[in-house]
Amino acid sequence: MIKIKYAHTNIITKDWKKLSKFYEIVFNCIPIPPKRIYQGEWLDKGTGLVNADLEGIQLRLPGYGNNGPTLEIYQYSKMVNAEKHVANQRGFGHITFQVEDIAGLLELALTNGACIV
């Protein structure tokens, strides 16, 4: 059995400050400073965008203590609305799991319908 641990969920929004405040107030999420600002070649490669630039914050989800999973809320400097989902489109960005055996998990995912894009 491959050991898996849920890590975080990422949401892209048009106003990260407003949405993070909503999660803080409504769901008792706790901000984890500092504010994150990301840009550079590594982000361009990871998102498939040119000159990607985003900022936001991570919120600790309630009920898990100081080492629990987080909710990332980010806003790209350039937002688009598109029929095809792209990395800087508002909405659900991704869900992440921490694993000890990434190769084993990839093999398991591929044998169960996942594909490499």
PDB file of N, CA and C in Angstrom:
ATOM      1  N   MET A   1       0.852  -1.180   0.000  1.00  0.00           N
ATOM      2  CA  MET A   1       0.000   0.000   0.000  1.00  0.00           C
ATOM      3  C   MET A   1       0.891   1.236   0.000  1.00  0.00           C
ATOM      4  N   ILE A   2       0.586   2.186  -0.840  1.00  0.00           N
ATOM      5  CA  ILE A   2       1.328   3.436  -0.935  1.00  0.00           C
ATOM      6  C   ILE A   2       0.798   4.405   0.115  1.00  0.00           C
ATOM      7  N   LYS A   3       1.688   4.975   0.921  1.00  0.00           N
ATOM      8  CA  LYS A   3       1.284   5.938   1.946  1.00  0.00           C
ATOM      9  C   LYS A   3       0.959   7.275   1.289  1.00  0.00           C
ATOM     10  N   ILE A   4      -0.234   7.792   1.562  1.00  0.00           N
ATOM     11  CA  ILE A   4      -0.701   9.044   0.966  1.00  0.00           C
ATOM     12  C   ILE A   4      -1.205   9.961   2.079  1.00  0.00           C
ATOM     13  N   LYS A   5      -0.904  11.242   1.935  1.00  0.00           N
ATOM     14  CA  LYS A   5      -1.352  12.229   2.917  1.00  0.00           C
ATOM     15  C   LYS A   5      -1.847  13.466   2.168  1.00  0.00           C
ATOM     16  N   TYR A   6      -3.082  13.874   2.423  1.00  0.00           N
ATOM     17  CA  TYR A   6      -3.648  15.060   1.798  1.00  0.00           C
ATOM     18  C   TYR A   6      -2.844  16.289   2.217  1.00  0.00           C
ATOM     19  N   ALA A   7      -2.523  17.181   1.262  1.00  0.00           N
ATOM     20  CA  ALA A   7      -1.688  18.340   1.552  1.00  0.00           C
ATOM     21  C   ALA A   7      -2.435  19.660   1.433  1.00  0.00           C
ATOM     22  N   HIS A   8      -2.985  19.971   0.252  1.00  0.00           N
ATOM     23  CA  HIS A   8      -3.692  21.240   0.094  1.00  0.00           C
ATOM     24  C   HIS A   8      -4.602  21.231  -1.128  1.00  0.00           C
ATOM     25  N   THR A   9      -5.499  22.191  -1.148  1.00  0.00           N
ATOM     26  CA  THR A   9      -6.348  22.464  -2.303  1.00  0.00           C
ATOM     27  C   THR A   9      -6.069  23.895  -2.730  1.00  0.00           C
ATOM     28  N   ASN A  10      -6.052  24.138  -4.031  1.00  0.00           N
ATOM     29  CA  ASN A  10      -5.731  25.442  -4.597  1.00  0.00           C
ATOM     30  C   ASN A  10      -6.958  26.013  -5.291  1.00  0.00           C
ATOM     31  N   ILE A  11      -7.284  27.259  -4.995  1.00  0.00           N
ATOM     32  CA  ILE A  11      -8.391  27.963  -5.650  1.00  0.00           C
ATOM     33  C   ILE A  11      -7.843  29.238  -6.269  1.00  0.00           C
ATOM     34  N   ILE A  12      -8.190  29.471  -7.535  1.00  0.00           N
ATOM     35  CA  ILE A  12      -7.813  30.696  -8.231  1.00  0.00           C
ATOM     36  C   ILE A  12      -9.058  31.580  -8.277  1.00  0.00           C
ATOM     37  N   THR A  13      -8.901  32.831  -7.890  1.00  0.00           N
ATOM     38  CA  THR A  13     -10.030  33.753  -7.798  1.00  0.00           C
ATOM     39  C   THR A  13      -9.651  35.117  -8.350  1.00  0.00           C
ATOM     40  N   LYS A  14     -10.642  35.951  -8.575  1.00  0.00           N
ATOM     41  CA  LYS A  14     -10.351  37.305  -9.064  1.00  0.00           C
ATOM     42  C   LYS A  14     -10.006  38.253  -7.927  1.00  0.00           C
ATOM     43  N   ASP A  15     -10.271  37.864  -6.663  1.00  0.00           N
ATOM     44  CA  ASP A  15      -9.961  38.707  -5.505  1.00  0.00           C
ATOM     45  C   ASP A  15      -9.570  37.809  -4.337  1.00  0.00           C
ATOM     46  N   TRP A  16      -8.267  37.496  -4.229  1.00  0.00           N
ATOM     47  CA  TRP A  16      -7.822  36.549  -3.219  1.00  0.00           C
ATOM     48  C   TRP A  16      -8.049  37.060  -1.802  1.00  0.00           C
ATOM     49  N   LYS A  17      -7.947  38.362  -1.590  1.00  0.00           N
ATOM     50  CA  LYS A  17      -8.132  38.905  -0.238  1.00  0.00           C
ATOM     51  C   LYS A  17      -9.577  38.718   0.225  1.00  0.00           C
ATOM     52  N   LYS A  18     -10.515  38.982  -0.651  1.00  0.00           N
ATOM     53  CA  LYS A  18     -11.938  38.843  -0.315  1.00  0.00           C
ATOM     54  C   LYS A  18     -12.298  37.380  -0.063  1.00  0.00           C
ATOM     55  N   LEU A  19     -11.833  36.479  -0.932  1.00  0.00           N
ATOM     56  CA  LEU A  19     -12.172  35.067  -0.756  1.00  0.00           C
ATOM     57  C   LEU A  19     -11.498  34.482   0.482  1.00  0.00           C
ATOM     58  N   SER A  20     -10.258  34.857   0.750  1.00  0.00           N
ATOM     59  CA  SER A  20      -9.596  34.332   1.939  1.00  0.00           C
ATOM     60  C   SER A  20     -10.284  34.818   3.211  1.00  0.00           C
ATOM     61  N   LYS A  21     -10.705  36.061   3.209  1.00  0.00           N
ATOM     62  CA  LYS A  21     -11.434  36.597   4.365  1.00  0.00           C
ATOM     63  C   LYS A  21     -12.731  35.817   4.587  1.00  0.00           C
ATOM     64  N   PHE A  22     -13.411  35.464   3.492  1.00  0.00           N
ATOM     65  CA  PHE A  22     -14.630  34.649   3.577  1.00  0.00           C
ATOM     66  C   PHE A  22     -14.340  33.323   4.281  1.00  0.00           C
ATOM     67  N   TYR A  23     -13.280  32.638   3.865  1.00  0.00           N
ATOM     68  CA  TYR A  23     -12.938  31.355   4.480  1.00  0.00           C
ATOM     69  C   TYR A  23     -12.498  31.513   5.930  1.00  0.00           C
ATOM     70  N   GLU A  24     -11.863  32.614   6.247  1.00  0.00           N
ATOM     71  CA  GLU A  24     -11.474  32.870   7.633  1.00  0.00           C
ATOM     72  C   GLU A  24     -12.707  33.058   8.512  1.00  0.00           C
ATOM     73  N   ILE A  25     -13.654  33.862   8.032  1.00  0.00           N
ATOM     74  CA  ILE A  25     -14.835  34.180   8.824  1.00  0.00           C
ATOM     75  C   ILE A  25     -15.819  33.018   8.874  1.00  0.00           C
ATOM     76  N   VAL A  26     -16.140  32.457   7.734  1.00  0.00           N
ATOM     77  CA  VAL A  26     -17.185  31.435   7.652  1.00  0.00           C
ATOM     78  C   VAL A  26     -16.705  30.066   8.120  1.00  0.00           C
ATOM     79  N   PHE A  27     -15.490  29.691   7.761  1.00  0.00           N
ATOM     80  CA  PHE A  27     -15.015  28.345   8.043  1.00  0.00           C
ATOM     81  C   PHE A  27     -13.890  28.279   9.073  1.00  0.00           C
ATOM     82  N   ASN A  28     -13.590  29.406   9.720  1.00  0.00           N
ATOM     83  CA  ASN A  28     -12.557  29.457  10.756  1.00  0.00           C
ATOM     84  C   ASN A  28     -11.178  29.017  10.263  1.00  0.00           C
ATOM     85  N   CYS A  29     -10.895  29.265   9.003  1.00  0.00           N
ATOM     86  CA  CYS A  29      -9.556  28.983   8.482  1.00  0.00           C
ATOM     87  C   CYS A  29      -8.587  30.027   9.032  1.00  0.00           C
ATOM     88  N   ILE A  30      -7.349  29.621   9.225  1.00  0.00           N
ATOM     89  CA  ILE A  30      -6.356  30.496   9.845  1.00  0.00           C
ATOM     90  C   ILE A  30      -5.275  30.839   8.819  1.00  0.00           C
ATOM     91  N   PRO A  31      -5.048  32.138   8.572  1.00  0.00           N
ATOM     92  CA  PRO A  31      -3.997  32.520   7.617  1.00  0.00           C
ATOM     93  C   PRO A  31      -2.618  32.089   8.094  1.00  0.00           C
ATOM     94  N   ILE A  32      -1.802  31.656   7.146  1.00  0.00           N
ATOM     95  CA  ILE A  32      -0.420  31.293   7.431  1.00  0.00           C
ATOM     96  C   ILE A  32       0.467  32.310   6.721  1.00  0.00           C
ATOM     97  N   PRO A  33       0.895  33.356   7.447  1.00  0.00           N
ATOM     98  CA  PRO A  33       1.746  34.367   6.818  1.00  0.00           C
ATOM     99  C   PRO A  33       3.066  33.744   6.364  1.00  0.00           C
ATOM    100  N   PRO A  34       3.733  34.402   5.439  1.00  0.00           N
ATOM    101  CA  PRO A  34       3.402  35.684   4.824  1.00  0.00           C
ATOM    102  C   PRO A  34       2.538  35.489   3.585  1.00  0.00           C
ATOM    103  N   LYS A  35       2.097  36.608   3.034  1.00  0.00           N
ATOM    104  CA  LYS A  35       1.420  36.597   1.741  1.00  0.00           C
ATOM    105  C   LYS A  35       2.417  36.010   0.745  1.00  0.00           C
ATOM    106  N   ARG A  36       1.938  35.168  -0.160  1.00  0.00           N
ATOM    107  CA  ARG A  36       2.814  34.565  -1.164  1.00  0.00           C
ATOM    108  C   ARG A  36       2.753  35.369  -2.457  1.00  0.00           C
ATOM    109  N   ILE A  37       3.910  35.610  -3.052  1.00  0.00           N
ATOM    110  CA  ILE A  37       4.016  36.248  -4.359  1.00  0.00           C
ATOM    111  C   ILE A  37       4.937  35.361  -5.185  1.00  0.00           C
ATOM    112  N   TYR A  38       4.421  34.835  -6.278  1.00  0.00           N
ATOM    113  CA  TYR A  38       5.196  33.912  -7.098  1.00  0.00           C
ATOM    114  C   TYR A  38       5.286  34.405  -8.538  1.00  0.00           C
ATOM    115  N   GLN A  39       6.467  34.245  -9.123  1.00  0.00           N
ATOM    116  CA  GLN A  39       6.683  34.528 -10.529  1.00  0.00           C
ATOM    117  C   GLN A  39       8.016  33.925 -10.923  1.00  0.00           C
ATOM    118  N   GLY A  40       8.255  33.803 -12.194  1.00  0.00           N
ATOM    119  CA  GLY A  40       9.537  33.289 -12.661  1.00  0.00           C
ATOM    120  C   GLY A  40       9.381  32.122 -13.607  1.00  0.00           C
ATOM    121  N   GLU A  41      10.519  31.680 -14.117  1.00  0.00           N
ATOM    122  CA  GLU A  41      10.533  30.613 -15.114  1.00  0.00           C
ATOM    123  C   GLU A  41       9.909  29.320 -14.593  1.00  0.00           C
ATOM    124  N   TRP A  42      10.167  28.992 -13.315  1.00  0.00           N
ATOM    125  CA  TRP A  42       9.609  27.765 -12.745  1.00  0.00           C
ATOM    126  C   TRP A  42       8.083  27.800 -12.741  1.00  0.00           C
ATOM    127  N   LEU A  43       7.498  28.990 -12.483  1.00  0.00           N
ATOM    128  CA  LEU A  43       6.048  29.125 -12.484  1.00  0.00           C
ATOM    129  C   LEU A  43       5.511  29.061 -13.909  1.00  0.00           C
ATOM    130  N   ASP A  44       6.209  29.685 -14.843  1.00  0.00           N
ATOM    131  CA  ASP A  44       5.802  29.606 -16.254  1.00  0.00           C
ATOM    132  C   ASP A  44       5.757  28.147 -16.710  1.00  0.00           C
ATOM    133  N   LYS A  45       6.797  27.383 -16.363  1.00  0.00           N
ATOM    134  CA  LYS A  45       6.843  25.971 -16.749  1.00  0.00           C
ATOM    135  C   LYS A  45       5.715  25.178 -16.091  1.00  0.00           C
ATOM    136  N   GLY A  46       5.465  25.446 -14.833  1.00  0.00           N
ATOM    137  CA  GLY A  46       4.433  24.715 -14.101  1.00  0.00           C
ATOM    138  C   GLY A  46       3.018  25.025 -14.545  1.00  0.00           C
ATOM    139  N   THR A  47       2.795  26.243 -15.034  1.00  0.00           N
ATOM    140  CA  THR A  47       1.441  26.645 -15.421  1.00  0.00           C
ATOM    141  C   THR A  47       1.218  26.617 -16.925  1.00  0.00           C
ATOM    142  N   GLY A  48       2.303  26.625 -17.698  1.00  0.00           N
ATOM    143  CA  GLY A  48       2.160  26.702 -19.148  1.00  0.00           C
ATOM    144  C   GLY A  48       1.862  28.114 -19.636  1.00  0.00           C
ATOM    145  N   LEU A  49       2.041  29.107 -18.774  1.00  0.00           N
ATOM    146  CA  LEU A  49       1.789  30.500 -19.114  1.00  0.00           C
ATOM    147  C   LEU A  49       3.109  31.232 -19.325  1.00  0.00           C
ATOM    148  N   VAL A  50       3.054  32.342 -20.020  1.00  0.00           N
ATOM    149  CA  VAL A  50       4.229  33.184 -20.208  1.00  0.00           C
ATOM    150  C   VAL A  50       4.126  34.352 -19.238  1.00  0.00           C
ATOM    151  N   ASN A  51       5.180  34.607 -18.490  1.00  0.00           N
ATOM    152  CA  ASN A  51       5.218  35.674 -17.485  1.00  0.00           C
ATOM    153  C   ASN A  51       4.108  35.540 -16.438  1.00  0.00           C
ATOM    154  N   ALA A  52       3.896  34.320 -15.974  1.00  0.00           N
ATOM    155  CA  ALA A  52       2.906  34.085 -14.925  1.00  0.00           C
ATOM    156  C   ALA A  52       3.304  34.850 -13.668  1.00  0.00           C
ATOM    157  N   ASP A  53       2.338  35.408 -12.997  1.00  0.00           N
ATOM    158  CA  ASP A  53       2.576  36.229 -11.812  1.00  0.00           C
ATOM    159  C   ASP A  53       1.343  36.093 -10.935  1.00  0.00           C
ATOM    160  N   LEU A  54       1.512  35.553  -9.736  1.00  0.00           N
ATOM    161  CA  LEU A  54       0.346  35.388  -8.871  1.00  0.00           C
ATOM    162  C   LEU A  54       0.694  35.725  -7.438  1.00  0.00           C
ATOM    163  N   GLU A  55      -0.338  36.028  -6.682  1.00  0.00           N
ATOM    164  CA  GLU A  55      -0.161  36.272  -5.248  1.00  0.00           C
ATOM    165  C   GLU A  55      -1.367  35.751  -4.511  1.00  0.00           C
ATOM    166  N   GLY A  56      -1.178  35.512  -3.237  1.00  0.00           N
ATOM    167  CA  GLY A  56      -2.267  35.005  -2.419  1.00  0.00           C
ATOM    168  C   GLY A  56      -1.761  34.557  -1.064  1.00  0.00           C
ATOM    169  N   ILE A  57      -2.510  33.636  -0.474  1.00  0.00           N
ATOM    170  CA  ILE A  57      -2.194  33.208   0.887  1.00  0.00           C
ATOM    171  C   ILE A  57      -2.599  31.750   1.071  1.00  0.00           C
ATOM    172  N   GLN A  58      -1.988  31.128   2.053  1.00  0.00           N
ATOM    173  CA  GLN A  58      -2.390  29.789   2.453  1.00  0.00           C
ATOM    174  C   GLN A  58      -3.166  29.903   3.755  1.00  0.00           C
ATOM    175  N   LEU A  59      -4.232  29.127   3.844  1.00  0.00           N
ATOM    176  CA  LEU A  59      -5.059  29.099   5.045  1.00  0.00           C
ATOM    177  C   LEU A  59      -5.036  27.692   5.627  1.00  0.00           C
ATOM    178  N   ARG A  60      -4.797  27.604   6.917  1.00  0.00           N
ATOM    179  CA  ARG A  60      -4.862  26.309   7.578  1.00  0.00           C
ATOM    180  C   ARG A  60      -6.322  25.932   7.758  1.00  0.00           C
ATOM    181  N   LEU A  61      -6.651  24.708   7.355  1.00  0.00           N
ATOM    182  CA  LEU A  61      -8.027  24.238   7.499  1.00  0.00           C
ATOM    183  C   LEU A  61      -8.298  23.885   8.952  1.00  0.00           C
ATOM    184  N   PRO A  62      -9.523  24.101   9.414  1.00  0.00           N
ATOM    185  CA  PRO A  62      -9.843  23.843  10.818  1.00  0.00           C
ATOM    186  C   PRO A  62      -9.885  22.351  11.144  1.00  0.00           C
ATOM    187  N   GLY A  63      -9.577  22.041  12.403  1.00  0.00           N
ATOM    188  CA  GLY A  63      -9.738  20.681  12.887  1.00  0.00           C
ATOM    189  C   GLY A  63      -8.531  19.776  12.744  1.00  0.00           C
ATOM    190  N   TYR A  64      -7.413  20.283  12.234  1.00  0.00           N
ATOM    191  CA  TYR A  64      -6.250  19.441  11.994  1.00  0.00           C
ATOM    192  C   TYR A  64      -5.008  19.869  12.768  1.00  0.00           C
ATOM    193  N   GLY A  65      -5.081  20.935  13.526  1.00  0.00           N
ATOM    194  CA  GLY A  65      -3.924  21.399  14.266  1.00  0.00           C
ATOM    195  C   GLY A  65      -2.939  22.144  13.379  1.00  0.00           C
ATOM    196  N   ASN A  66      -1.753  22.405  13.917  1.00  0.00           N
ATOM    197  CA  ASN A  66      -0.766  23.224  13.226  1.00  0.00           C
ATOM    198  C   ASN A  66      -0.134  22.576  12.008  1.00  0.00           C
ATOM    199  N   ASN A  67      -0.253  21.269  11.865  1.00  0.00           N
ATOM    200  CA  ASN A  67       0.350  20.583  10.723  1.00  0.00           C
ATOM    201  C   ASN A  67      -0.686  20.057   9.747  1.00  0.00           C
ATOM    202  N   GLY A  68      -1.874  20.582   9.828  1.00  0.00           N
ATOM    203  CA  GLY A  68      -2.958  20.106   8.982  1.00  0.00           C
ATOM    204  C   GLY A  68      -2.894  20.641   7.563  1.00  0.00           C
ATOM    205  N   PRO A  69      -3.811  20.159   6.716  1.00  0.00           N
ATOM    206  CA  PRO A  69      -3.849  20.584   5.321  1.00  0.00           C
ATOM    207  C   PRO A  69      -4.238  22.056   5.192  1.00  0.00           C
ATOM    208  N   THR A  70      -3.925  22.610   4.034  1.00  0.00           N
ATOM    209  CA  THR A  70      -4.195  24.020   3.795  1.00  0.00           C
ATOM    210  C   THR A  70      -5.045  24.227   2.553  1.00  0.00           C
ATOM    211  N   LEU A  71      -5.596  25.410   2.490  1.00  0.00           N
ATOM    212  CA  LEU A  71      -6.318  25.893   1.326  1.00  0.00           C
ATOM    213  C   LEU A  71      -5.495  27.048   0.783  1.00  0.00           C
ATOM    214  N   GLU A  72      -5.060  26.934  -0.467  1.00  0.00           N
ATOM    215  CA  GLU A  72      -4.315  28.018  -1.102  1.00  0.00           C
ATOM    216  C   GLU A  72      -5.301  28.853  -1.901  1.00  0.00           C
ATOM    217  N   ILE A  73      -5.287  30.152  -1.685  1.00  0.00           N
ATOM    218  CA  ILE A  73      -6.152  31.041  -2.456  1.00  0.00           C
ATOM    219  C   ILE A  73      -5.254  32.036  -3.167  1.00  0.00           C
ATOM    220  N   TYR A  74      -5.264  31.981  -4.495  1.00  0.00           N
ATOM    221  CA  TYR A  74      -4.371  32.804  -5.303  1.00  0.00           C
ATOM    222  C   TYR A  74      -5.114  33.557  -6.389  1.00  0.00           C
ATOM    223  N   GLN A  75      -4.465  34.620  -6.819  1.00  0.00           N
ATOM    224  CA  GLN A  75      -4.974  35.473  -7.890  1.00  0.00           C
ATOM    225  C   GLN A  75      -3.831  35.765  -8.847  1.00  0.00           C
ATOM    226  N   TYR A  76      -4.026  35.466 -10.126  1.00  0.00           N
ATOM    227  CA  TYR A  76      -3.028  35.815 -11.135  1.00  0.00           C
ATOM    228  C   TYR A  76      -3.165  37.284 -11.476  1.00  0.00           C
ATOM    229  N   SER A  77      -2.048  37.921 -11.827  1.00  0.00           N
ATOM    230  CA  SER A  77      -2.112  39.339 -12.211  1.00  0.00           C
ATOM    231  C   SER A  77      -2.920  39.512 -13.485  1.00  0.00           C
ATOM    232  N   LYS A  78      -2.906  38.496 -14.345  1.00  0.00           N
ATOM    233  CA  LYS A  78      -3.704  38.520 -15.568  1.00  0.00           C
ATOM    234  C   LYS A  78      -4.687  37.359 -15.509  1.00  0.00           C
ATOM    235  N   MET A  79      -5.965  37.680 -15.370  1.00  0.00           N
ATOM    236  CA  MET A  79      -7.009  36.664 -15.296  1.00  0.00           C
ATOM    237  C   MET A  79      -7.718  36.588 -16.645  1.00  0.00           C
ATOM    238  N   VAL A  80      -8.130  35.394 -17.014  1.00  0.00           N
ATOM    239  CA  VAL A  80      -8.864  35.213 -18.261  1.00  0.00           C
ATOM    240  C   VAL A  80     -10.104  34.370 -18.012  1.00  0.00           C
ATOM    241  N   ASN A  81     -11.084  34.552 -18.870  1.00  0.00           N
ATOM    242  CA  ASN A  81     -12.241  33.669 -18.914  1.00  0.00           C
ATOM    243  C   ASN A  81     -12.144  32.918 -20.227  1.00  0.00           C
ATOM    244  N   ALA A  82     -12.174  31.599 -20.167  1.00  0.00           N
ATOM    245  CA  ALA A  82     -12.005  30.796 -21.364  1.00  0.00           C
ATOM    246  C   ALA A  82     -12.874  29.550 -21.283  1.00  0.00           C
ATOM    247  N   GLU A  83     -13.246  29.031 -22.443  1.00  0.00           N
ATOM    248  CA  GLU A  83     -14.011  27.788 -22.472  1.00  0.00           C
ATOM    249  C   GLU A  83     -13.154  26.628 -21.990  1.00  0.00           C
ATOM    250  N   LYS A  84     -11.904  26.582 -22.443  1.00  0.00           N
ATOM    251  CA  LYS A  84     -10.975  25.549 -22.009  1.00  0.00           C
ATOM    252  C   LYS A  84     -10.313  26.019 -20.719  1.00  0.00           C
ATOM    253  N   HIS A  85     -10.271  25.158 -19.728  1.00  0.00           N
ATOM    254  CA  HIS A  85      -9.655  25.535 -18.455  1.00  0.00           C
ATOM    255  C   HIS A  85      -8.156  25.745 -18.633  1.00  0.00           C
ATOM    256  N   VAL A  86      -7.677  26.865 -18.134  1.00  0.00           N
ATOM    257  CA  VAL A  86      -6.252  27.171 -18.118  1.00  0.00           C
ATOM    258  C   VAL A  86      -5.860  27.520 -16.688  1.00  0.00           C
ATOM    259  N   ALA A  87      -4.579  27.496 -16.399  1.00  0.00           N
ATOM    260  CA  ALA A  87      -4.099  27.642 -15.026  1.00  0.00           C
ATOM    261  C   ALA A  87      -4.537  28.932 -14.346  1.00  0.00           C
ATOM    262  N   ASN A  88      -4.651  30.048 -15.089  1.00  0.00           N
ATOM    263  CA  ASN A  88      -5.008  31.306 -14.436  1.00  0.00           C
ATOM    264  C   ASN A  88      -6.475  31.677 -14.616  1.00  0.00           C
ATOM    265  N   GLN A  89      -7.318  30.683 -14.756  1.00  0.00           N
ATOM    266  CA  GLN A  89      -8.765  30.896 -14.839  1.00  0.00           C
ATOM    267  C   GLN A  89      -9.359  30.781 -13.436  1.00  0.00           C
ATOM    268  N   ARG A  90     -10.337  31.616 -13.142  1.00  0.00           N
ATOM    269  CA  ARG A  90     -10.975  31.586 -11.827  1.00  0.00           C
ATOM    270  C   ARG A  90     -11.626  30.225 -11.608  1.00  0.00           C
ATOM    271  N   GLY A  91     -11.545  29.732 -10.398  1.00  0.00           N
ATOM    272  CA  GLY A  91     -12.168  28.463 -10.046  1.00  0.00           C
ATOM    273  C   GLY A  91     -11.175  27.502  -9.427  1.00  0.00           C
ATOM    274  N   PHE A  92     -11.534  26.260  -9.425  1.00  0.00           N
ATOM    275  CA  PHE A  92     -10.716  25.210  -8.817  1.00  0.00           C
ATOM    276  C   PHE A  92      -9.413  25.059  -9.578  1.00  0.00           C
ATOM    277  N   GLY A  93      -8.301  25.111  -8.874  1.00  0.00           N
ATOM    278  CA  GLY A  93      -6.991  24.984  -9.497  1.00  0.00           C
ATOM    279  C   GLY A  93      -6.466  23.562  -9.460  1.00  0.00           C
ATOM    280  N   HIS A  94      -6.329  23.001  -8.284  1.00  0.00           N
ATOM    281  CA  HIS A  94      -5.855  21.630  -8.168  1.00  0.00           C
ATOM    282  C   HIS A  94      -6.005  21.131  -6.734  1.00  0.00           C
ATOM    283  N   ILE A  95      -5.858  19.846  -6.577  1.00  0.00           N
ATOM    284  CA  ILE A  95      -5.824  19.224  -5.266  1.00  0.00           C
ATOM    285  C   ILE A  95      -4.503  18.461  -5.187  1.00  0.00           C
ATOM    286  N   THR A  96      -3.868  18.478  -4.043  1.00  0.00           N
ATOM    287  CA  THR A  96      -2.543  17.895  -3.906  1.00  0.00           C
ATOM    288  C   THR A  96      -2.514  16.862  -2.791  1.00  0.00           C
ATOM    289  N   PHE A  97      -1.781  15.796  -3.016  1.00  0.00           N
ATOM    290  CA  PHE A  97      -1.556  14.774  -2.005  1.00  0.00           C
ATOM    291  C   PHE A  97      -0.062  14.553  -1.869  1.00  0.00           C
ATOM    292  N   GLN A  98       0.401  14.432  -0.640  1.00  0.00           N
ATOM    293  CA  GLN A  98       1.802  14.102  -0.404  1.00  0.00           C
ATOM    294  C   GLN A  98       1.939  12.591  -0.444  1.00  0.00           C
ATOM    295  N   VAL A  99       2.954  12.109  -1.121  1.00  0.00           N
ATOM    296  CA  VAL A  99       3.177  10.669  -1.223  1.00  0.00           C
ATOM    297  C   VAL A  99       4.655  10.368  -1.022  1.00  0.00           C
ATOM    298  N   GLU A 100       4.934   9.187  -0.518  1.00  0.00           N
ATOM    299  CA  GLU A 100       6.325   8.771  -0.349  1.00  0.00           C
ATOM    300  C   GLU A 100       6.862   8.128  -1.623  1.00  0.00           C
ATOM    301  N   ASP A 101       6.006   7.495  -2.410  1.00  0.00           N
ATOM    302  CA  ASP A 101       6.429   6.768  -3.602  1.00  0.00           C
ATOM    303  C   ASP A 101       5.706   7.329  -4.825  1.00  0.00           C
ATOM    304  N   ILE A 102       6.225   8.429  -5.379  1.00  0.00           N
ATOM    305  CA  ILE A 102       5.548   9.091  -6.499  1.00  0.00           C
ATOM    306  C   ILE A 102       5.500   8.195  -7.726  1.00  0.00           C
ATOM    307  N   ALA A 103       6.557   7.443  -7.983  1.00  0.00           N
ATOM    308  CA  ALA A 103       6.564   6.553  -9.150  1.00  0.00           C
ATOM    309  C   ALA A 103       5.502   5.467  -9.012  1.00  0.00           C
ATOM    310  N   GLY A 104       5.392   4.915  -7.826  1.00  0.00           N
ATOM    311  CA  GLY A 104       4.370   3.890  -7.582  1.00  0.00           C
ATOM    312  C   GLY A 104       2.966   4.448  -7.710  1.00  0.00           C
ATOM    313  N   LEU A 105       2.778   5.649  -7.193  1.00  0.00           N
ATOM    314  CA  LEU A 105       1.469   6.269  -7.284  1.00  0.00           C
ATOM    315  C   LEU A 105       1.127   6.618  -8.729  1.00  0.00           C
ATOM    316  N   LEU A 106       2.107   7.099  -9.488  1.00  0.00           N
ATOM    317  CA  LEU A 106       1.879   7.401 -10.899  1.00  0.00           C
ATOM    318  C   LEU A 106       1.467   6.139 -11.644  1.00  0.00           C
ATOM    319  N   GLU A 107       2.163   5.048 -11.396  1.00  0.00           N
ATOM    320  CA  GLU A 107       1.820   3.778 -12.042  1.00  0.00           C
ATOM    321  C   GLU A 107       0.394   3.353 -11.683  1.00  0.00           C
ATOM    322  N   LEU A 108       0.061   3.471 -10.411  1.00  0.00           N
ATOM    323  CA  LEU A 108      -1.288   3.116  -9.962  1.00  0.00           C
ATOM    324  C   LEU A 108      -2.340   4.008 -10.637  1.00  0.00           C
ATOM    325  N   ALA A 109      -2.054   5.318 -10.716  1.00  0.00           N
ATOM    326  CA  ALA A 109      -2.994   6.249 -11.355  1.00  0.00           C
ATOM    327  C   ALA A 109      -3.169   5.925 -12.837  1.00  0.00           C
ATOM    328  N   LEU A 110      -2.054   5.649 -13.526  1.00  0.00           N
ATOM    329  CA  LEU A 110      -2.126   5.350 -14.955  1.00  0.00           C
ATOM    330  C   LEU A 110      -2.884   4.066 -15.245  1.00  0.00           C
ATOM    331  N   THR A 111      -2.740   3.078 -14.375  1.00  0.00           N
ATOM    332  CA  THR A 111      -3.459   1.810 -14.583  1.00  0.00           C
ATOM    333  C   THR A 111      -4.933   1.936 -14.254  1.00  0.00           C
ATOM    334  N   ASN A 112      -5.314   3.044 -13.644  1.00  0.00           N
ATOM    335  CA  ASN A 112      -6.710   3.255 -13.292  1.00  0.00           C
ATOM    336  C   ASN A 112      -7.349   4.429 -14.045  1.00  0.00           C
ATOM    337  N   GLY A 113      -6.806   4.749 -15.226  1.00  0.00           N
ATOM    338  CA  GLY A 113      -7.464   5.722 -16.092  1.00  0.00           C
ATOM    339  C   GLY A 113      -6.826   7.083 -16.205  1.00  0.00           C
ATOM    340  N   ALA A 114      -5.793   7.390 -15.412  1.00  0.00           N
ATOM    341  CA  ALA A 114      -5.137   8.679 -15.532  1.00  0.00           C
ATOM    342  C   ALA A 114      -4.292   8.706 -16.806  1.00  0.00           C
ATOM    343  N   CYS A 115      -3.992   9.897 -17.286  1.00  0.00           N
ATOM    344  CA  CYS A 115      -3.099  10.005 -18.429  1.00  0.00           C
ATOM    345  C   CYS A 115      -2.137  11.173 -18.203  1.00  0.00           C
ATOM    346  N   ILE A 116      -0.998  11.073 -18.847  1.00  0.00           N
ATOM    347  CA  ILE A 116       0.002  12.148 -18.773  1.00  0.00           C
ATOM    348  C   ILE A 116      -0.255  13.076 -19.932  1.00  0.00           C
ATOM    349  N   VAL A 117      -0.466  14.343 -19.632  1.00  0.00           N
ATOM    350  CA  VAL A 117      -0.759  15.340 -20.667  1.00  0.00           C
ATOM    351  C   VAL A 117       0.491  16.084 -21.038  1.00  0.00           C
TER     352      VAL A 117
END
